[in-house]
Amino acid sequence: MRNQVHHATWKTVLVALVALLIVAGTAWGAPPGANAGGTRSGPVARTFGTEGGIHTEVTSETRGTLTEEDSRQVALLAAQVFQHIDEARRALDADDASLASREVAKGREAVGAIRALLPRTTVRTKTTAPDGRVLYQDEREVQEDQVSLYEGMLHARTLAPILAAKRDATEVAGVQVVESQAISTEVTADLDYIEAQLGRAAKALGDQKPDDAGKALALAQVRGVDIRYSKEDTPLAEARDAIWLARRALEEDNTAQAQANLAVARQRLEIYRQVLPEARRQDITKLLGEVGQLEAQLRRELDHPANGAERTRQRNVVTRWWDQVNGWFKRHL
């Protein structure tokens, strides 16, 4: 998971300043009609400095509003962006650069639709000397680029490839469980970063550099999404991560590592089961039984190794468990 603290760019500073203006209202020297507090239809201004000395006036004017329904549109479109990114990566894996280009273009179209929905704010800054001389002035347009994804839209088709990309970008040693990322909590997309990586992918595909395009798309998935979780979610999140590592071990035909990770998953599931009310424990108990059966089967493989078809069945079972646990974040917590 990337650092939860975003890099301090001029845009984030200006967005924070706009919020300050709206909350704090105006100071001395504000234009008429800019009353402190409340909803504003015109410019919002605040003056910094002492009266009679050098002072700086910052004025912001926002065009457009984001209703609750519009926010849902933005979340839906953001989910579509990530689906196009995943389809583009799949197309590159299949050496289909033409399909990858179309998916990247669709992703950029979805980002453009999001941009059209999000309000834009013009920020004007002017510093004036006591004699009225303008010492500095600037005007620029900013737009919030952190887009929240609604929990109800974080289904497996959207989120699973993102989590998979994040895990593939993390070095996993032995049976260590990677950092937990519970999908029941806040998920935010960094629109600027994703848009930039989609642009790089499009250019790379135009230059017939599919490897560079693949790297840009992977970065969009790995670094373009911020997933936050609470400590209370940890046992279930750790179980989910251990299940993922068990699946990877089975892909590598490493039964010892698969057993070790399944043991971790079983322990964490048992801890989580204990904190649930009795009426909610049935699904956990059933899964614990299934995990125990697979562990026993893997132990028996010391004498009777599994064939390819059986190993595929085992991977499919573990994948089903992973999807099932992801669903519990929303239903159980």
Protein backbone atom coordinates (compact mmCIF):
# COMPACT_ATOMS: atom_id res chain seq x y z
CA MET A 1 0.00 0.00 0.00
CA ARG A 2 1.33 3.36 -0.83
CA ASN A 3 1.85 6.01 1.81
CA GLN A 4 -1.43 7.34 3.16
CA VAL A 5 -0.08 10.92 3.10
CA HIS A 6 -0.26 12.35 -0.39
CA HIS A 7 2.63 14.40 -1.71
CA ALA A 8 2.16 18.14 -1.02
CA THR A 9 1.70 19.64 -4.47
CA TRP A 10 0.56 23.13 -5.31
CA LYS A 11 -2.82 21.74 -6.24
CA THR A 12 -3.44 20.08 -2.87
CA VAL A 13 -2.33 23.25 -1.10
CA LEU A 14 -4.73 25.36 -3.14
CA VAL A 15 -7.60 22.95 -2.61
CA ALA A 16 -6.97 23.11 1.13
CA LEU A 17 -6.85 26.90 0.94
CA VAL A 18 -10.19 27.00 -0.85
CA ALA A 19 -11.67 24.90 1.95
CA LEU A 20 -10.18 27.32 4.47
CA LEU A 21 -11.81 30.25 2.69
CA ILE A 22 -15.21 28.60 2.72
CA VAL A 23 -15.01 27.60 6.39
CA ALA A 24 -13.33 30.70 7.77
CA GLY A 25 -15.24 33.25 5.76
CA THR A 26 -13.76 36.68 5.11
CA ALA A 27 -11.42 38.98 6.91
CA TRP A 28 -10.96 42.73 6.60
CA GLY A 29 -11.02 44.18 3.10
CA ALA A 30 -13.32 41.49 1.61
CA PRO A 31 -15.59 42.54 -1.25
CA PRO A 32 -19.24 43.31 -0.56
CA GLY A 33 -21.55 40.33 -0.56
CA ALA A 34 -18.92 37.88 0.73
CA ASN A 35 -20.54 37.25 4.08
CA ALA A 36 -18.87 35.03 6.62
CA GLY A 37 -20.07 31.43 6.53
CA GLY A 38 -22.98 29.95 4.60
CA THR A 39 -23.41 28.93 0.98
CA ARG A 40 -21.92 31.30 -1.56
CA SER A 41 -22.97 31.96 -5.12
CA GLY A 42 -20.20 34.49 -5.81
CA PRO A 43 -16.48 34.77 -5.06
CA VAL A 44 -15.17 34.00 -1.58
CA ALA A 45 -12.28 36.14 -0.39
CA ARG A 46 -9.89 36.32 2.52
CA THR A 47 -7.15 38.89 3.15
CA PHE A 48 -3.93 38.05 5.00
CA GLY A 49 -1.60 40.56 6.60
CA THR A 50 -2.03 43.64 8.76
CA GLU A 51 -4.12 46.59 7.66
CA GLY A 52 -1.87 49.40 6.49
CA GLY A 53 0.97 47.01 5.60
CA ILE A 54 1.66 44.53 2.84
CA HIS A 55 -1.33 42.27 2.48
CA THR A 56 -2.37 39.34 0.29
CA GLU A 57 -5.89 38.71 -0.88
CA VAL A 58 -6.92 35.23 -2.03
CA THR A 59 -10.23 34.96 -3.87
CA SER A 60 -11.82 31.69 -4.93
CA GLU A 61 -14.82 31.19 -7.19
CA THR A 62 -16.28 27.73 -7.74
CA ARG A 63 -18.30 26.75 -10.77
CA GLY A 64 -20.60 23.77 -10.45
CA THR A 65 -21.80 21.68 -7.54
CA LEU A 66 -21.53 17.99 -6.79
CA THR A 67 -24.83 16.51 -5.63
CA GLU A 68 -25.12 13.15 -3.90
CA GLU A 69 -26.34 11.58 -7.12
CA ASP A 70 -23.44 13.14 -9.03
CA SER A 71 -21.05 11.67 -6.46
CA ARG A 72 -22.48 8.26 -7.22
CA GLN A 73 -21.94 8.90 -10.93
CA VAL A 74 -18.31 9.80 -10.23
CA ALA A 75 -17.83 6.61 -8.18
CA LEU A 76 -19.41 4.49 -10.91
CA LEU A 77 -17.23 6.07 -13.60
CA ALA A 78 -14.11 5.60 -11.44
CA ALA A 79 -14.94 1.89 -11.18
CA GLN A 80 -15.24 1.82 -14.97
CA VAL A 81 -11.79 3.42 -15.29
CA PHE A 82 -10.22 0.61 -13.28
CA GLN A 83 -12.06 -2.03 -15.27
CA HIS A 84 -10.70 -0.55 -18.51
CA ILE A 85 -7.20 -0.52 -17.00
CA ASP A 86 -7.49 -4.18 -16.04
CA GLU A 87 -8.85 -5.14 -19.47
CA ALA A 88 -5.99 -3.24 -21.11
CA ARG A 89 -3.44 -5.15 -19.01
CA ARG A 90 -5.11 -8.44 -19.92
CA ALA A 91 -5.00 -7.48 -23.59
CA LEU A 92 -1.27 -6.71 -23.35
CA ASP A 93 -0.68 -10.08 -21.69
CA ALA A 94 -2.40 -11.62 -24.72
CA ASP A 95 -0.24 -9.53 -27.11
CA ASP A 96 -3.31 -7.67 -28.36
CA ALA A 97 -2.03 -4.10 -28.50
CA SER A 98 -5.02 -2.94 -30.55
CA LEU A 99 -7.51 -4.00 -27.88
CA ALA A 100 -5.27 -2.53 -25.17
CA SER A 101 -5.28 0.82 -26.99
CA ARG A 102 -9.08 0.82 -27.17
CA GLU A 103 -9.38 0.02 -23.47
CA VAL A 104 -6.91 2.78 -22.56
CA ALA A 105 -8.88 5.23 -24.71
CA LYS A 106 -12.09 4.21 -22.96
CA GLY A 107 -10.44 4.71 -19.59
CA ARG A 108 -9.38 8.22 -20.59
CA GLU A 109 -12.92 8.95 -21.78
CA ALA A 110 -14.28 7.91 -18.39
CA VAL A 111 -11.76 10.17 -16.65
CA GLY A 112 -12.92 13.02 -18.90
CA ALA A 113 -16.52 12.37 -17.89
CA ILE A 114 -15.49 12.52 -14.23
CA ARG A 115 -13.70 15.81 -14.85
CA ALA A 116 -16.87 17.21 -16.41
CA LEU A 117 -18.85 16.34 -13.28
CA LEU A 118 -16.39 17.67 -10.69
CA PRO A 119 -16.64 21.37 -9.75
CA ARG A 120 -13.77 23.66 -10.74
CA THR A 121 -12.43 26.52 -8.64
CA THR A 122 -10.55 29.57 -9.87
CA VAL A 123 -8.10 30.86 -7.27
CA ARG A 124 -6.76 34.41 -7.63
CA THR A 125 -3.94 35.65 -5.42
CA LYS A 126 -2.78 39.28 -5.21
CA THR A 127 -0.20 40.85 -2.89
CA THR A 128 -0.32 44.63 -2.54
CA ALA A 129 2.09 47.13 -0.98
CA PRO A 130 0.83 49.90 1.38
CA ASP A 131 1.01 52.40 -1.48
CA GLY A 132 -1.24 50.22 -3.66
CA ARG A 133 1.49 48.73 -5.86
CA VAL A 134 0.83 45.14 -6.87
CA LEU A 135 3.84 43.09 -5.81
CA TYR A 136 2.56 39.72 -6.96
CA GLN A 137 -0.52 38.25 -8.58
CA ASP A 138 -1.52 34.88 -9.93
CA GLU A 139 -4.59 33.07 -11.21
CA ARG A 140 -5.06 29.37 -11.68
CA GLU A 141 -7.82 26.78 -11.83
CA VAL A 142 -7.92 23.79 -9.51
CA GLN A 143 -10.11 20.73 -9.25
CA GLU A 144 -10.28 18.16 -6.50
CA ASP A 145 -8.56 15.02 -7.76
CA GLN A 146 -9.24 12.60 -4.88
CA VAL A 147 -12.34 10.59 -5.83
CA SER A 148 -14.02 8.36 -3.26
CA LEU A 149 -15.34 5.01 -4.39
CA TYR A 150 -18.58 3.93 -2.77
CA GLU A 151 -18.39 0.64 -0.88
CA GLY A 152 -21.33 -0.83 -2.75
CA MET A 153 -19.48 -0.45 -6.04
CA LEU A 154 -16.34 -2.23 -4.88
CA HIS A 155 -17.30 -5.62 -6.24
CA ALA A 156 -14.76 -8.29 -7.13
CA ARG A 157 -14.53 -7.28 -10.79
CA THR A 158 -13.30 -3.80 -9.84
CA LEU A 159 -11.31 -4.30 -6.67
CA ALA A 160 -9.74 -7.74 -7.05
CA PRO A 161 -7.38 -6.70 -9.90
CA ILE A 162 -6.32 -3.62 -7.91
CA LEU A 163 -5.47 -5.68 -4.84
CA ALA A 164 -3.75 -8.28 -7.03
CA ALA A 165 -1.58 -5.59 -8.61
CA LYS A 166 -0.67 -4.21 -5.19
CA ARG A 167 0.32 -7.65 -3.95
CA ASP A 168 2.33 -8.46 -7.07
CA ALA A 169 4.26 -5.23 -6.48
CA THR A 170 5.13 -6.31 -2.94
CA GLU A 171 8.02 -8.65 -2.26
CA VAL A 172 6.68 -11.66 -0.38
CA ALA A 173 9.24 -13.70 1.56
CA GLY A 174 8.38 -17.16 2.85
CA VAL A 175 4.97 -17.27 4.47
CA GLN A 176 4.91 -13.64 5.54
CA VAL A 177 1.46 -12.07 5.25
CA VAL A 178 1.51 -8.81 3.31
CA GLU A 179 0.04 -5.61 4.68
CA SER A 180 -3.71 -5.93 5.20
CA GLN A 181 -6.10 -3.85 3.15
CA ALA A 182 -9.71 -4.18 4.24
CA ILE A 183 -12.23 -3.18 1.60
CA SER A 184 -14.84 -2.20 4.16
CA THR A 185 -13.19 1.16 4.77
CA GLU A 186 -12.26 4.21 2.72
CA VAL A 187 -11.07 3.74 -0.86
CA THR A 188 -9.90 6.79 -2.80
CA ALA A 189 -8.72 7.13 -6.39
CA ASP A 190 -6.04 9.69 -7.28
CA LEU A 191 -7.52 11.03 -10.51
CA ASP A 192 -4.49 13.11 -11.53
CA TYR A 193 -2.09 10.20 -11.13
CA ILE A 194 -4.34 7.73 -12.94
CA GLU A 195 -4.93 10.18 -15.78
CA ALA A 196 -1.18 10.72 -16.15
CA GLN A 197 -0.46 6.99 -16.29
CA LEU A 198 -3.22 6.42 -18.83
CA GLY A 199 -1.65 9.16 -20.95
CA ARG A 200 1.75 7.46 -20.70
CA ALA A 201 0.20 4.12 -21.62
CA ALA A 202 -1.52 5.63 -24.66
CA LYS A 203 1.75 7.21 -25.85
CA ALA A 204 3.68 4.00 -25.31
CA LEU A 205 1.14 2.01 -27.30
CA GLY A 206 1.30 4.60 -30.07
CA ASP A 207 5.08 4.21 -30.08
CA GLN A 208 4.69 0.40 -30.17
CA LYS A 209 6.20 -0.03 -26.71
CA PRO A 210 3.80 -2.46 -25.02
CA ASP A 211 6.13 -3.12 -22.08
CA ASP A 212 6.20 0.57 -21.17
CA ALA A 213 2.41 0.70 -21.52
CA GLY A 214 2.06 -2.27 -19.19
CA LYS A 215 4.25 -0.60 -16.58
CA ALA A 216 2.16 2.58 -16.70
CA LEU A 217 -1.09 0.64 -16.31
CA ALA A 218 0.34 -1.34 -13.40
CA LEU A 219 1.34 1.89 -11.67
CA ALA A 220 -2.19 3.23 -12.13
CA GLN A 221 -3.50 0.23 -10.21
CA VAL A 222 -0.76 0.08 -7.58
CA ARG A 223 -0.29 3.77 -6.80
CA GLY A 224 -3.50 5.30 -8.11
CA VAL A 225 -5.67 3.88 -5.33
CA ASP A 226 -5.44 4.57 -1.61
CA ILE A 227 -7.07 1.88 0.57
CA ARG A 228 -7.40 2.58 4.27
CA TYR A 229 -8.51 0.19 6.96
CA SER A 230 -9.15 0.18 10.67
CA LYS A 231 -7.37 -2.00 13.23
CA GLU A 232 -10.64 -3.71 14.12
CA ASP A 233 -10.66 -5.30 10.65
CA THR A 234 -7.22 -6.83 11.02
CA PRO A 235 -8.01 -10.55 11.72
CA LEU A 236 -10.30 -10.88 8.70
CA ALA A 237 -7.96 -8.85 6.49
CA GLU A 238 -4.98 -10.98 7.52
CA ALA A 239 -6.98 -14.14 6.81
CA ARG A 240 -7.85 -12.83 3.37
CA ASP A 241 -4.20 -12.00 2.65
CA ALA A 242 -3.02 -15.43 3.84
CA ILE A 243 -5.58 -17.07 1.53
CA TRP A 244 -4.20 -15.03 -1.36
CA LEU A 245 -0.66 -16.18 -0.58
CA ALA A 246 -1.85 -19.79 -0.33
CA ARG A 247 -3.29 -19.48 -3.83
CA ARG A 248 0.00 -18.11 -5.15
CA ALA A 249 1.86 -20.99 -3.50
CA LEU A 250 -0.44 -23.51 -5.21
CA GLU A 251 0.24 -21.83 -8.55
CA GLU A 252 3.94 -22.49 -7.90
CA ASP A 253 3.16 -26.06 -6.78
CA ASN A 254 4.63 -25.24 -3.36
CA THR A 255 2.44 -27.28 -1.04
CA ALA A 256 4.52 -26.56 2.07
CA GLN A 257 4.07 -22.79 1.71
CA ALA A 258 0.40 -23.25 0.85
CA GLN A 259 -0.13 -25.26 4.04
CA ALA A 260 1.67 -22.65 6.13
CA ASN A 261 -0.48 -19.82 4.77
CA LEU A 262 -3.68 -21.82 5.14
CA ALA A 263 -2.74 -22.39 8.78
CA VAL A 264 -2.37 -18.60 9.22
CA ALA A 265 -5.72 -18.05 7.51
CA ARG A 266 -7.41 -20.62 9.76
CA GLN A 267 -5.99 -19.04 12.90
CA ARG A 268 -7.09 -15.54 11.90
CA LEU A 269 -10.56 -16.74 10.87
CA GLU A 270 -10.97 -18.40 14.24
CA ILE A 271 -10.01 -15.15 16.00
CA TYR A 272 -12.50 -13.25 13.86
CA ARG A 273 -15.22 -15.85 14.48
CA GLN A 274 -14.89 -15.35 18.23
CA VAL A 275 -15.72 -11.62 18.00
CA LEU A 276 -18.92 -12.22 16.02
CA PRO A 277 -22.34 -12.81 17.57
CA GLU A 278 -23.35 -16.49 17.61
CA ALA A 279 -25.90 -15.96 14.84
CA ARG A 280 -23.19 -14.71 12.44
CA ARG A 281 -20.66 -17.50 12.95
CA GLN A 282 -22.14 -20.10 10.61
CA ASP A 283 -20.35 -19.00 7.42
CA ILE A 284 -17.01 -18.70 9.22
CA THR A 285 -17.41 -22.16 10.75
CA LYS A 286 -18.20 -23.68 7.34
CA LEU A 287 -15.14 -22.04 5.76
CA LEU A 288 -12.92 -23.20 8.63
CA GLY A 289 -14.03 -26.76 7.90
CA GLU A 290 -13.22 -26.39 4.20
CA VAL A 291 -9.79 -24.94 4.97
CA GLY A 292 -9.07 -27.83 7.32
CA GLN A 293 -10.03 -30.34 4.62
CA LEU A 294 -7.65 -28.77 2.09
CA GLU A 295 -4.85 -28.69 4.66
CA ALA A 296 -5.33 -32.40 5.28
CA GLN A 297 -5.36 -33.10 1.55
CA LEU A 298 -2.11 -31.20 1.07
CA ARG A 299 -0.51 -33.17 3.88
CA ARG A 300 -1.51 -36.43 2.15
CA GLU A 301 0.23 -35.27 -1.01
CA LEU A 302 3.54 -36.22 0.55
CA ASP A 303 2.65 -39.78 -0.50
CA HIS A 304 0.25 -39.06 -3.37
CA PRO A 305 1.13 -35.86 -5.30
CA ALA A 306 -1.78 -34.06 -6.96
CA ASN A 307 -2.11 -34.05 -10.74
CA GLY A 308 -2.64 -30.90 -12.81
CA ALA A 309 -6.42 -31.11 -12.81
CA GLU A 310 -6.57 -31.50 -9.04
CA ARG A 311 -4.19 -28.60 -8.48
CA THR A 312 -6.38 -26.40 -10.67
CA ARG A 313 -9.42 -27.42 -8.64
CA GLN A 314 -7.58 -26.50 -5.43
CA ARG A 315 -6.65 -23.07 -6.79
CA ASN A 316 -10.24 -22.44 -7.82
CA VAL A 317 -11.46 -23.38 -4.36
CA VAL A 318 -8.99 -21.02 -2.68
CA THR A 319 -9.95 -18.24 -5.10
CA ARG A 320 -13.60 -18.75 -4.14
CA TRP A 321 -12.62 -18.40 -0.48
CA TRP A 322 -10.82 -15.14 -1.20
CA ASP A 323 -13.91 -13.70 -2.92
CA GLN A 324 -16.09 -14.96 -0.07
CA VAL A 325 -13.96 -13.28 2.60
CA ASN A 326 -13.98 -10.01 0.65
CA GLY A 327 -17.77 -10.12 0.77
CA TRP A 328 -17.71 -10.51 4.55
CA PHE A 329 -16.10 -7.13 5.05
CA LYS A 330 -19.33 -5.46 3.97
CA ARG A 331 -21.77 -7.95 5.46
CA HIS A 332 -20.18 -8.71 8.82
CA LEU A 333 -18.52 -5.45 9.86
